[in-house]
Amino acid sequence: MSEVNSRESLTSQQRNLLLAQPIARLSLERRVIFKDDPTIADRLDVQYLALSAIDFVMERSAIESGASPTEIVAHVAAEATRVKPSLTDEQSCKVGQVILDCLANARDGHKAFRVEYYDAGRDGYTFHDFRLLALSVAADGSARFKLARGAQILTLAMLDVPPEFAQEAEAIMIHKAVERGRFKDARTLAQRARMRSIHYQQFIEDRLFQVRRAADRVVWSEEVLPELDEARTHLSDRRKHEVAIIESIREHVAHARSDTRGHLVDLKDTIDECRQRHAALFERVMTASEEFRQIQVNAFRARRTQNVPDLEERILVPLLALPMRAVSGMSDEVGIVFAAPTPPRLFDLALLFESVTQPRFRRDPAGGHDEQELVALERVPPEFDADEIGEAQEWLVREISTRTRLDMASAISAAEQQGLADSTLRCVLFLMLRSWCPQDDPLGVIASIDRTIAHERVAGDNLVLAKDAERWPT
C-alpha cells in the first residue's frame, strides 16, 4: 500500500479513536466529578455504564423515536446498582445523570464535542466535531435522545468478530461497492481488508508457533488439523472473491472517468497485495503438517554433545591481541573460560546411549567401506492418460476460439465455473505451459507473459495464449 493511502488510513483510525475520548475522560475524572461523595467513585466502572447507556438508546431507537432523559438515567442507575450494590437510590440516580450529561456534552451546552488532532492528509492540525447522543423532539413534543453518528461508529468498530468472518463480509462489501460505482468507498474498504489479511496472517502464524512450542502435548489430528482445514477453505474462498473483484475492476477501468481511475488503480493494487499474502499463507498452511511431522521426528532424535572449544586458536590468541584495558574489564569471563570444564549432565536416556556408543572422531585407515547396494528405479507412470489429455486440449481449443486471449487466471476461473475435474484442470495448465515452446505447441497459439499469478494451483509468470492467425482458420 502506498504511503499516501497509509496516511489516509491512519487519519481515519485516529478520528474513530477520538470518539472514545469523552468516555475515557469521564473514567479519569470520576473522582473529581464525585468529590462531594467520594465513595461513589470507588470500584465503579463508568466506562461500562456509558457503553450500556449507548446500547440502551440504540435499542429504544429501534422501538420508538429514541429514549427520554428520564429513561436513560433510570437505566444507568439500575446498571450502576448492579455493578456496585452498595449504592443508594440517590447515589445511583446521580451516577445516571452524570453519565447522560457526559454523553450529551451537557457541560458545554449540549454542543458537539470538538477535539484537535493531526491530519496527515493535510499535513497539519484540524478539528473533529462529533456527537455521541443527539437531542431531538418526538411527535408528542417530548425530548428524546438518539444515537448520533459518532456513537454508531464507536459501537460498530468495537464489535469483536473473528477475522475470517470479517474478511468474508468486507469482500462482499467491496464487490458491491465496485458494482455500484462507489470506487472511493471500495478503496477504503480494501485498505481495511488489507489490515484484516495481515491480522489473519498473524493469527495463523501465532497458532502454528504455539503448536511448535508444545509439539509433544498437541494432538495434531484433533486440535490443529481441523483448524488448518478451515483455514485452507477460508483462504481458497478469499482468493476466489479477490479474483472476482479484480475482474470487476478491469471491466470498470475501461469506462472510468479520470477522477475515479486513480481510486480503481489503488483498489486493484491493494487487492493484489491481499492475494499475494493469501497465496503465501495458503502455502504456509499446506506445509504445516509436514513441518509438524519433522518436529516430531526431531523430538526422538538423539542430540550430539558439543565439543569443547579450542582454547589456543579460538580464545588465547584473540585474547593476547586485546589491549590490557579491555582484558581487565572482562576478567570474570576469562576466568570462567580457563576454568576446568564440567561435563554436561545427561537427563535423557537417548543422550546417554549416544554418548557411550558414539565412535571416536578418527579415521581408521584399516577400516573398509560398506558397499552400497544398487536399487532398480521404478518407472513413474505418466501424469495424464491419453483421454484426459484429449479432453483438456479440446476444452482449451473451445475457450481460445471464443476469446481474443486466455490467461491462466481466466482459464482457472472458467474451468471452476464449468465444473471441470481437478486432474483435467491440471492437464489444462500443463498444456498451456507446453505452448510456451513453439516446437511443442499442440494448440497453435502465440504465448506471452502478462505480469504474475499467485494461485493455489499455479504460481509464477501469468501465461497468456492468443490465436495464431496462420494456424487458426478464419
Protein backbone atom coordinates (compact mmCIF):
# COMPACT_ATOMS: atom_id res chain seq x y z
CA MET A 1 0.00 0.00 0.00
CA SER A 2 1.31 3.47 -0.88
CA GLU A 3 2.45 5.88 1.80
CA VAL A 4 -0.37 8.32 0.96
CA ASN A 5 -3.03 5.65 1.41
CA SER A 6 -1.41 4.59 4.66
CA ARG A 7 -1.63 8.15 5.98
CA GLU A 8 -5.29 8.39 5.00
CA SER A 9 -5.99 5.12 6.81
CA LEU A 10 -4.18 6.31 9.94
CA THR A 11 -6.05 9.62 9.91
CA SER A 12 -9.37 7.76 9.66
CA GLN A 13 -8.38 5.49 12.53
CA GLN A 14 -7.39 8.48 14.63
CA ARG A 15 -10.76 10.17 14.05
CA ASN A 16 -12.53 7.00 15.17
CA LEU A 17 -10.26 6.76 18.20
CA LEU A 18 -11.21 10.29 19.24
CA LEU A 19 -14.84 9.17 19.60
CA ALA A 20 -13.95 7.30 22.79
CA GLN A 21 -12.20 10.31 24.35
CA PRO A 22 -15.25 11.68 26.26
CA ILE A 23 -15.84 8.26 27.87
CA ALA A 24 -12.15 7.84 28.71
CA ARG A 25 -12.04 11.35 30.21
CA LEU A 26 -15.09 10.50 32.31
CA SER A 27 -13.26 7.49 33.72
CA LEU A 28 -10.16 9.53 34.52
CA GLU A 29 -12.08 12.40 36.15
CA ARG A 30 -14.69 10.37 38.05
CA ARG A 31 -13.13 11.12 41.46
CA VAL A 32 -13.21 14.84 40.71
CA ILE A 33 -16.79 14.61 39.45
CA PHE A 34 -17.95 12.75 42.57
CA LYS A 35 -15.78 14.75 45.01
CA ASP A 36 -18.85 15.60 47.10
CA ASP A 37 -19.40 11.86 47.71
CA PRO A 38 -16.05 10.07 47.15
CA THR A 39 -17.46 6.64 47.98
CA ILE A 40 -19.33 6.58 44.66
CA ALA A 41 -16.16 6.60 42.56
CA ASP A 42 -14.57 3.58 44.30
CA ARG A 43 -14.85 0.42 42.16
CA LEU A 44 -17.37 1.97 39.79
CA ASP A 45 -16.81 1.18 36.10
CA VAL A 46 -18.17 4.30 34.43
CA GLN A 47 -16.93 3.18 31.00
CA TYR A 48 -19.21 0.14 31.16
CA LEU A 49 -22.10 2.35 32.27
CA ALA A 50 -21.52 4.78 29.37
CA LEU A 51 -21.49 1.95 26.81
CA SER A 52 -24.60 0.49 28.45
CA ALA A 53 -26.36 3.85 28.06
CA ILE A 54 -25.41 3.97 24.36
CA ASP A 55 -26.69 0.43 23.89
CA PHE A 56 -29.96 1.32 25.66
CA VAL A 57 -30.54 4.38 23.45
CA MET A 58 -29.86 2.27 20.35
CA GLU A 59 -32.45 -0.32 21.44
CA ARG A 60 -35.03 2.38 22.21
CA SER A 61 -34.40 4.00 18.82
CA ALA A 62 -35.32 0.73 17.15
CA ILE A 63 -38.64 0.57 19.05
CA GLU A 64 -39.56 4.21 19.45
CA SER A 65 -38.13 7.55 18.37
CA GLY A 66 -35.30 7.41 20.91
CA ALA A 67 -35.08 7.45 24.69
CA SER A 68 -36.12 10.18 27.08
CA PRO A 69 -33.60 11.60 29.59
CA THR A 70 -35.58 10.07 32.47
CA GLU A 71 -35.46 6.61 30.89
CA ILE A 72 -31.70 6.85 30.30
CA VAL A 73 -31.00 7.96 33.87
CA ALA A 74 -33.21 5.16 35.24
CA HIS A 75 -31.47 2.54 33.09
CA VAL A 76 -27.96 3.66 34.06
CA ALA A 77 -28.98 3.87 37.74
CA ALA A 78 -30.19 0.24 37.64
CA GLU A 79 -26.95 -0.86 35.96
CA ALA A 80 -24.87 1.11 38.49
CA THR A 81 -26.66 -0.65 41.36
CA ARG A 82 -25.88 -3.99 39.72
CA VAL A 83 -22.22 -3.04 39.27
CA LYS A 84 -21.95 -1.66 42.81
CA PRO A 85 -24.75 -2.96 45.11
CA SER A 86 -23.70 -0.67 47.96
CA LEU A 87 -25.01 2.43 46.13
CA THR A 88 -28.17 4.06 47.46
CA ASP A 89 -31.03 5.07 45.18
CA GLU A 90 -29.94 8.69 45.38
CA GLN A 91 -26.34 7.82 44.51
CA SER A 92 -27.30 5.56 41.58
CA CYS A 93 -29.53 8.29 40.13
CA LYS A 94 -26.68 10.75 40.47
CA VAL A 95 -24.43 8.35 38.54
CA GLY A 96 -27.07 8.02 35.81
CA GLN A 97 -27.33 11.81 35.44
CA VAL A 98 -23.54 12.18 35.26
CA ILE A 99 -23.31 9.51 32.51
CA LEU A 100 -26.07 11.18 30.48
CA ASP A 101 -24.52 14.65 30.85
CA CYS A 102 -21.16 13.25 29.72
CA LEU A 103 -22.53 11.55 26.59
CA ALA A 104 -24.67 14.55 25.64
CA ASN A 105 -21.90 17.09 26.45
CA ALA A 106 -24.20 18.97 28.83
CA ARG A 107 -21.19 20.72 30.38
CA ASP A 108 -20.73 22.59 27.08
CA GLY A 109 -24.40 23.32 26.43
CA HIS A 110 -25.11 20.07 24.53
CA LYS A 111 -22.85 21.20 21.71
CA ALA A 112 -20.85 18.80 19.58
CA PHE A 113 -17.56 17.57 21.01
CA ARG A 114 -14.57 19.27 19.40
CA VAL A 115 -11.14 17.61 19.51
CA GLU A 116 -7.99 18.79 17.80
CA TYR A 117 -5.83 16.21 16.05
CA TYR A 118 -3.11 15.91 13.40
CA ASP A 119 -4.46 15.26 9.89
CA ALA A 120 -1.77 13.50 7.87
CA GLY A 121 -3.62 14.17 4.61
CA ARG A 122 -3.43 17.92 5.16
CA ASP A 123 -0.05 17.89 6.94
CA GLY A 124 -1.45 19.98 9.77
CA TYR A 125 -3.76 20.10 12.76
CA THR A 126 -7.53 20.27 12.41
CA PHE A 127 -10.67 19.78 14.50
CA HIS A 128 -13.04 16.84 14.59
CA ASP A 129 -16.62 17.69 15.62
CA PHE A 130 -18.85 14.79 16.63
CA ARG A 131 -21.78 13.86 18.86
CA LEU A 132 -22.50 10.68 20.78
CA LEU A 133 -26.12 11.41 21.73
CA ALA A 134 -28.25 13.82 19.70
CA LEU A 135 -31.21 15.61 21.31
CA SER A 136 -34.42 15.66 19.25
CA VAL A 137 -38.14 16.27 19.71
CA ALA A 138 -40.59 13.36 19.39
CA ALA A 139 -44.01 13.54 17.74
CA ASP A 140 -45.67 14.16 21.14
CA GLY A 141 -43.36 17.12 21.82
CA SER A 142 -41.19 15.34 24.41
CA ALA A 143 -37.39 15.48 24.39
CA ARG A 144 -35.67 12.34 23.11
CA PHE A 145 -32.07 11.29 22.72
CA LYS A 146 -30.99 9.36 19.64
CA LEU A 147 -27.73 7.74 18.78
CA ALA A 148 -25.55 10.16 16.81
CA ARG A 149 -23.19 9.04 14.06
CA GLY A 150 -20.20 9.19 16.40
CA ALA A 151 -21.73 6.64 18.79
CA GLN A 152 -22.76 4.42 15.87
CA ILE A 153 -19.21 4.28 14.51
CA LEU A 154 -17.82 3.78 18.02
CA THR A 155 -20.03 0.78 18.83
CA LEU A 156 -19.78 -0.89 15.43
CA ALA A 157 -15.99 -0.51 15.24
CA MET A 158 -15.54 -2.20 18.62
CA LEU A 159 -17.56 -5.32 17.78
CA ASP A 160 -15.34 -8.36 18.25
CA VAL A 161 -15.83 -10.73 15.31
CA PRO A 162 -13.50 -13.49 14.08
CA PRO A 163 -11.00 -12.22 11.48
CA GLU A 164 -12.06 -14.76 8.86
CA PHE A 165 -15.74 -13.74 9.16
CA ALA A 166 -14.80 -10.06 8.93
CA GLN A 167 -12.79 -10.79 5.77
CA GLU A 168 -15.76 -12.53 4.16
CA ALA A 169 -18.07 -9.61 4.96
CA GLU A 170 -15.63 -7.00 3.67
CA ALA A 171 -15.02 -8.92 0.43
CA ILE A 172 -18.75 -8.86 -0.27
CA MET A 173 -18.95 -5.14 0.54
CA ILE A 174 -16.00 -4.33 -1.75
CA HIS A 175 -17.58 -6.25 -4.62
CA LYS A 176 -20.90 -4.47 -4.12
CA ALA A 177 -19.21 -1.06 -3.91
CA VAL A 178 -17.37 -1.67 -7.20
CA GLU A 179 -20.55 -2.83 -8.94
CA ARG A 180 -22.39 0.32 -7.79
CA GLY A 181 -19.57 2.61 -8.89
CA ARG A 182 -18.62 3.72 -5.38
CA PHE A 183 -14.91 3.34 -6.05
CA LYS A 184 -13.70 5.60 -3.24
CA ASP A 185 -15.65 3.61 -0.66
CA ALA A 186 -14.36 0.39 -2.21
CA ARG A 187 -10.80 1.64 -1.86
CA THR A 188 -11.37 2.47 1.82
CA LEU A 189 -12.85 -0.98 2.42
CA ALA A 190 -9.94 -2.58 0.56
CA GLN A 191 -7.45 -0.81 2.82
CA ARG A 192 -9.30 -2.19 5.83
CA ALA A 193 -9.36 -5.64 4.18
CA ARG A 194 -5.59 -5.38 3.77
CA MET A 195 -5.22 -4.87 7.52
CA ARG A 196 -7.59 -7.80 8.10
CA SER A 197 -5.38 -10.01 5.92
CA ILE A 198 -2.30 -9.01 7.94
CA HIS A 199 -4.16 -9.73 11.19
CA TYR A 200 -5.31 -13.12 9.87
CA GLN A 201 -1.76 -13.96 8.79
CA GLN A 202 -0.54 -13.13 12.30
CA PHE A 203 -3.38 -15.21 13.75
CA ILE A 204 -2.30 -18.30 11.76
CA GLU A 205 1.41 -17.75 12.49
CA ASP A 206 0.74 -17.39 16.22
CA ARG A 207 -1.30 -20.59 16.22
CA LEU A 208 1.45 -22.55 14.46
CA PHE A 209 4.07 -21.04 16.78
CA GLN A 210 2.11 -22.26 19.80
CA VAL A 211 1.99 -25.72 18.27
CA ARG A 212 5.74 -25.74 17.66
CA ARG A 213 6.43 -24.75 21.26
CA ALA A 214 4.32 -27.60 22.65
CA ALA A 215 4.56 -30.20 19.90
CA ASP A 216 4.72 -33.07 22.42
CA ARG A 217 1.42 -32.01 24.03
CA VAL A 218 -0.62 -31.38 20.89
CA VAL A 219 -2.95 -33.93 19.34
CA TRP A 220 -2.48 -32.82 15.75
CA SER A 221 -5.39 -34.69 14.16
CA GLU A 222 -7.91 -33.48 16.75
CA GLU A 223 -6.73 -30.00 17.75
CA VAL A 224 -4.83 -28.46 14.83
CA LEU A 225 -5.83 -30.29 11.64
CA PRO A 226 -9.49 -29.13 11.75
CA GLU A 227 -8.31 -25.52 12.19
CA LEU A 228 -5.96 -25.85 9.21
CA ASP A 229 -8.76 -27.35 7.09
CA GLU A 230 -10.94 -24.35 7.94
CA ALA A 231 -8.05 -22.00 7.14
CA ARG A 232 -7.49 -23.67 3.75
CA THR A 233 -11.17 -23.39 2.88
CA HIS A 234 -11.27 -19.77 4.03
CA LEU A 235 -8.15 -18.78 2.07
CA SER A 236 -9.40 -20.54 -1.05
CA ASP A 237 -12.72 -18.65 -0.82
CA ARG A 238 -10.94 -15.35 -0.21
CA ARG A 239 -8.80 -15.74 -3.30
CA LYS A 240 -11.83 -16.59 -5.44
CA HIS A 241 -13.56 -13.44 -4.20
CA GLU A 242 -10.41 -11.41 -4.88
CA VAL A 243 -10.23 -12.73 -8.44
CA ALA A 244 -13.87 -11.75 -8.98
CA ILE A 245 -13.19 -8.25 -7.56
CA ILE A 246 -10.19 -7.75 -9.84
CA GLU A 247 -12.17 -8.88 -12.89
CA SER A 248 -14.89 -6.40 -11.97
CA ILE A 249 -12.29 -3.64 -11.56
CA ARG A 250 -10.87 -4.37 -15.01
CA GLU A 251 -14.31 -4.06 -16.53
CA HIS A 252 -14.86 -0.65 -14.90
CA VAL A 253 -11.37 0.74 -15.67
CA ALA A 254 -12.06 0.91 -19.40
CA HIS A 255 -15.09 3.18 -18.84
CA ALA A 256 -13.91 5.04 -15.73
CA ARG A 257 -13.59 8.80 -15.62
CA SER A 258 -10.27 10.44 -14.91
CA ASP A 259 -11.30 11.36 -11.34
CA THR A 260 -12.19 7.76 -10.46
CA ARG A 261 -9.45 5.93 -12.34
CA GLY A 262 -6.95 6.61 -9.54
CA HIS A 263 -9.26 5.00 -6.98
CA LEU A 264 -9.58 1.92 -9.17
CA VAL A 265 -5.81 1.62 -9.61
CA ASP A 266 -5.23 1.92 -5.85
CA LEU A 267 -8.03 -0.58 -5.24
CA LYS A 268 -6.51 -3.12 -7.63
CA ASP A 269 -3.03 -2.74 -6.11
CA THR A 270 -4.45 -3.28 -2.61
CA ILE A 271 -6.42 -6.38 -3.64
CA ASP A 272 -3.35 -7.76 -5.47
CA GLU A 273 -1.33 -7.36 -2.28
CA CYS A 274 -4.00 -9.26 -0.33
CA ARG A 275 -3.97 -12.02 -2.98
CA GLN A 276 -0.21 -12.41 -2.72
CA ARG A 277 -0.36 -12.54 1.07
CA HIS A 278 -3.16 -15.10 1.00
CA ALA A 279 -1.23 -17.19 -1.56
CA ALA A 280 1.84 -17.28 0.68
CA LEU A 281 -0.31 -18.05 3.71
CA PHE A 282 -2.08 -20.84 1.80
CA GLU A 283 1.30 -22.42 1.04
CA ARG A 284 2.26 -21.99 4.70
CA VAL A 285 -0.87 -23.82 5.83
CA MET A 286 -0.38 -26.58 3.26
CA THR A 287 3.15 -27.34 4.52
CA ALA A 288 2.28 -27.14 8.24
CA SER A 289 1.54 -30.87 8.53
CA GLU A 290 4.94 -31.82 7.11
CA GLU A 291 6.64 -29.32 9.41
CA PHE A 292 4.90 -30.81 12.44
CA ARG A 293 5.90 -34.32 11.36
CA GLN A 294 9.53 -33.21 11.13
CA ILE A 295 9.29 -31.66 14.62
CA GLN A 296 8.00 -34.97 15.95
CA VAL A 297 10.87 -36.85 14.28
CA ASN A 298 13.45 -34.46 15.71
CA ALA A 299 11.98 -34.91 19.18
CA PHE A 300 13.07 -38.57 19.14
CA ARG A 301 16.48 -37.96 17.55
CA ALA A 302 19.48 -38.11 19.86
CA ARG A 303 21.39 -34.83 20.00
CA ARG A 304 25.13 -34.70 19.65
CA THR A 305 27.13 -33.36 22.57
CA GLN A 306 29.05 -30.17 21.91
CA ASN A 307 32.83 -30.35 21.64
CA VAL A 308 34.98 -28.21 23.93
CA PRO A 309 36.31 -25.16 22.00
CA ASP A 310 39.98 -24.96 21.05
CA LEU A 311 41.43 -22.72 23.78
CA GLU A 312 44.54 -21.75 21.85
CA GLU A 313 43.02 -20.86 18.48
CA ARG A 314 39.62 -19.50 19.49
CA ILE A 315 40.33 -17.89 22.88
CA LEU A 316 44.01 -17.43 23.83
CA VAL A 317 45.29 -15.87 20.58
CA PRO A 318 42.43 -13.30 20.27
CA LEU A 319 42.80 -12.56 23.98
CA LEU A 320 46.52 -11.76 23.69
CA ALA A 321 45.77 -9.36 20.84
CA LEU A 322 43.47 -7.21 23.01
CA PRO A 323 44.72 -4.16 24.96
CA MET A 324 45.14 -4.53 28.74
CA ARG A 325 42.24 -2.15 29.46
CA ALA A 326 39.82 -4.37 27.54
CA VAL A 327 41.14 -7.55 29.16
CA SER A 328 40.84 -6.14 32.70
CA GLY A 329 37.19 -5.36 32.07
CA MET A 330 36.29 -8.97 31.37
CA SER A 331 38.43 -10.78 33.94
CA ASP A 332 35.47 -12.76 35.26
CA GLU A 333 34.62 -14.09 31.81
CA VAL A 334 38.26 -15.03 31.14
CA GLY A 335 38.47 -16.92 34.42
CA ILE A 336 35.34 -18.88 33.58
CA VAL A 337 36.73 -19.83 30.15
CA PHE A 338 40.00 -21.17 31.60
CA ALA A 339 38.35 -22.98 34.49
CA ALA A 340 38.19 -26.75 34.47
CA PRO A 341 35.47 -27.95 32.07
CA THR A 342 32.44 -29.59 33.65
CA PRO A 343 30.87 -32.46 31.73
CA PRO A 344 27.25 -31.71 30.81
CA ARG A 345 24.58 -33.57 32.70
CA LEU A 346 22.59 -36.14 30.79
CA PHE A 347 18.90 -36.04 31.67
CA ASP A 348 17.81 -38.16 28.71
CA LEU A 349 18.39 -41.89 28.20
CA ALA A 350 18.85 -41.38 24.47
CA LEU A 351 21.67 -38.86 25.09
CA LEU A 352 23.35 -41.33 27.44
CA PHE A 353 23.30 -44.10 24.83
CA GLU A 354 24.59 -41.71 22.19
CA SER A 355 27.48 -40.54 24.41
CA VAL A 356 28.50 -44.09 25.30
CA THR A 357 28.22 -45.59 21.83
CA GLN A 358 29.44 -42.62 19.78
CA PRO A 359 32.67 -43.62 17.95
CA ARG A 360 35.89 -41.63 18.18
CA PHE A 361 36.20 -38.94 15.58
CA ARG A 362 39.19 -40.63 13.97
CA ARG A 363 39.53 -42.23 10.62
CA ASP A 364 40.60 -45.87 10.81
CA PRO A 365 42.97 -46.50 7.84
CA ALA A 366 42.42 -50.22 8.18
CA GLY A 367 38.70 -49.95 8.12
CA GLY A 368 36.84 -50.82 4.97
CA HIS A 369 33.96 -49.06 3.30
CA ASP A 370 30.50 -50.55 3.26
CA GLU A 371 29.42 -51.39 -0.23
CA GLN A 372 26.12 -49.86 -1.14
CA GLU A 373 23.56 -51.97 -2.93
CA LEU A 374 22.20 -50.87 -6.28
CA VAL A 375 18.46 -50.46 -6.30
CA ALA A 376 16.47 -50.52 -9.51
CA LEU A 377 14.49 -47.37 -10.18
CA GLU A 378 10.76 -47.80 -10.57
CA ARG A 379 9.31 -46.35 -13.73
CA VAL A 380 6.98 -43.49 -12.90
CA PRO A 381 3.59 -43.81 -14.64
CA PRO A 382 2.50 -40.89 -16.86
CA GLU A 383 0.76 -37.99 -15.13
CA PHE A 384 -2.23 -37.96 -17.52
CA ASP A 385 -3.73 -40.60 -19.79
CA ALA A 386 -4.48 -40.01 -23.47
CA ASP A 387 -8.22 -39.44 -22.94
CA GLU A 388 -7.60 -36.81 -20.30
CA ILE A 389 -5.07 -35.02 -22.49
CA GLY A 390 -7.55 -35.04 -25.38
CA GLU A 391 -10.34 -33.66 -23.19
CA ALA A 392 -8.12 -30.88 -21.84
CA GLN A 393 -6.91 -29.97 -25.33
CA GLU A 394 -10.46 -29.81 -26.70
CA TRP A 395 -11.53 -27.60 -23.78
CA LEU A 396 -8.63 -25.24 -24.41
CA VAL A 397 -9.40 -25.00 -28.14
CA ARG A 398 -13.05 -24.15 -27.38
CA GLU A 399 -12.12 -21.48 -24.87
CA ILE A 400 -9.49 -19.88 -27.11
CA SER A 401 -11.83 -19.86 -30.10
CA THR A 402 -14.37 -17.73 -28.18
CA ARG A 403 -11.82 -15.24 -26.82
CA THR A 404 -9.13 -12.97 -28.12
CA ARG A 405 -6.79 -14.03 -25.32
CA LEU A 406 -6.79 -16.59 -22.50
CA ASP A 407 -4.53 -16.25 -19.46
CA MET A 408 -4.04 -18.77 -16.67
CA ALA A 409 -6.19 -16.93 -14.15
CA SER A 410 -9.12 -16.76 -16.58
CA ALA A 411 -8.65 -20.40 -17.53
CA ILE A 412 -8.78 -21.50 -13.89
CA SER A 413 -11.84 -19.34 -13.20
CA ALA A 414 -13.69 -20.66 -16.29
CA ALA A 415 -12.77 -24.28 -15.52
CA GLU A 416 -14.00 -24.00 -11.94
CA GLN A 417 -17.27 -22.38 -13.06
CA GLN A 418 -17.84 -25.15 -15.63
CA GLY A 419 -17.13 -27.88 -13.08
CA LEU A 420 -14.01 -29.24 -14.80
CA ALA A 421 -12.33 -32.04 -12.84
CA ASP A 422 -9.22 -31.10 -10.86
CA SER A 423 -6.99 -33.53 -12.74
CA THR A 424 -8.27 -32.22 -16.10
CA LEU A 425 -7.65 -28.64 -14.96
CA ARG A 426 -4.07 -29.56 -14.04
CA CYS A 427 -3.67 -31.06 -17.50
CA VAL A 428 -5.00 -27.81 -19.00
CA LEU A 429 -2.36 -25.81 -17.14
CA PHE A 430 0.41 -28.16 -18.28
CA LEU A 431 -0.74 -27.84 -21.90
CA MET A 432 -0.69 -24.06 -21.57
CA LEU A 433 2.88 -24.23 -20.26
CA ARG A 434 3.83 -26.55 -23.09
CA SER A 435 2.53 -24.00 -25.58
CA TRP A 436 5.29 -21.62 -24.46
CA CYS A 437 7.69 -23.55 -26.72
CA PRO A 438 6.59 -23.16 -30.37
CA GLN A 439 8.10 -26.52 -31.35
CA ASP A 440 6.00 -28.41 -28.76
CA ASP A 441 2.87 -26.28 -29.05
CA PRO A 442 -0.14 -28.61 -29.60
CA LEU A 443 -2.67 -25.76 -29.85
CA GLY A 444 -1.33 -23.41 -32.48
CA VAL A 445 -1.23 -20.28 -30.37
CA ILE A 446 1.05 -17.37 -29.58
CA ALA A 447 2.17 -17.44 -25.94
CA SER A 448 3.23 -14.38 -23.94
CA ILE A 449 3.60 -13.32 -20.29
CA ASP A 450 1.40 -10.73 -18.57
CA ARG A 451 2.58 -9.98 -15.01
CA THR A 452 2.45 -12.77 -12.44
CA ILE A 453 -0.11 -15.15 -10.95
CA ALA A 454 -0.33 -16.42 -7.36
CA HIS A 455 -2.90 -19.20 -7.08
CA GLU A 456 -3.05 -22.43 -5.12
CA ARG A 457 -2.87 -24.34 -8.41
CA VAL A 458 -0.13 -22.35 -10.15
CA ALA A 459 2.22 -19.52 -9.22
CA GLY A 460 4.76 -17.52 -11.20
CA ASP A 461 4.51 -15.82 -14.59
CA ASN A 462 0.94 -15.46 -15.84
CA LEU A 463 0.95 -17.14 -19.27
CA VAL A 464 -1.37 -15.68 -21.93
CA LEU A 465 -2.40 -17.56 -25.10
CA ALA A 466 -3.69 -15.87 -28.26
CA LYS A 467 -4.71 -17.28 -31.63
CA ASP A 468 -2.00 -17.74 -34.24
CA ALA A 469 -3.57 -16.33 -37.43
CA GLU A 470 -1.52 -18.62 -39.66
CA ARG A 471 -2.61 -21.81 -37.86
CA TRP A 472 -6.22 -20.96 -36.93
CA PRO A 473 -8.89 -20.99 -39.67
CA THR A 474 -10.80 -17.76 -40.14
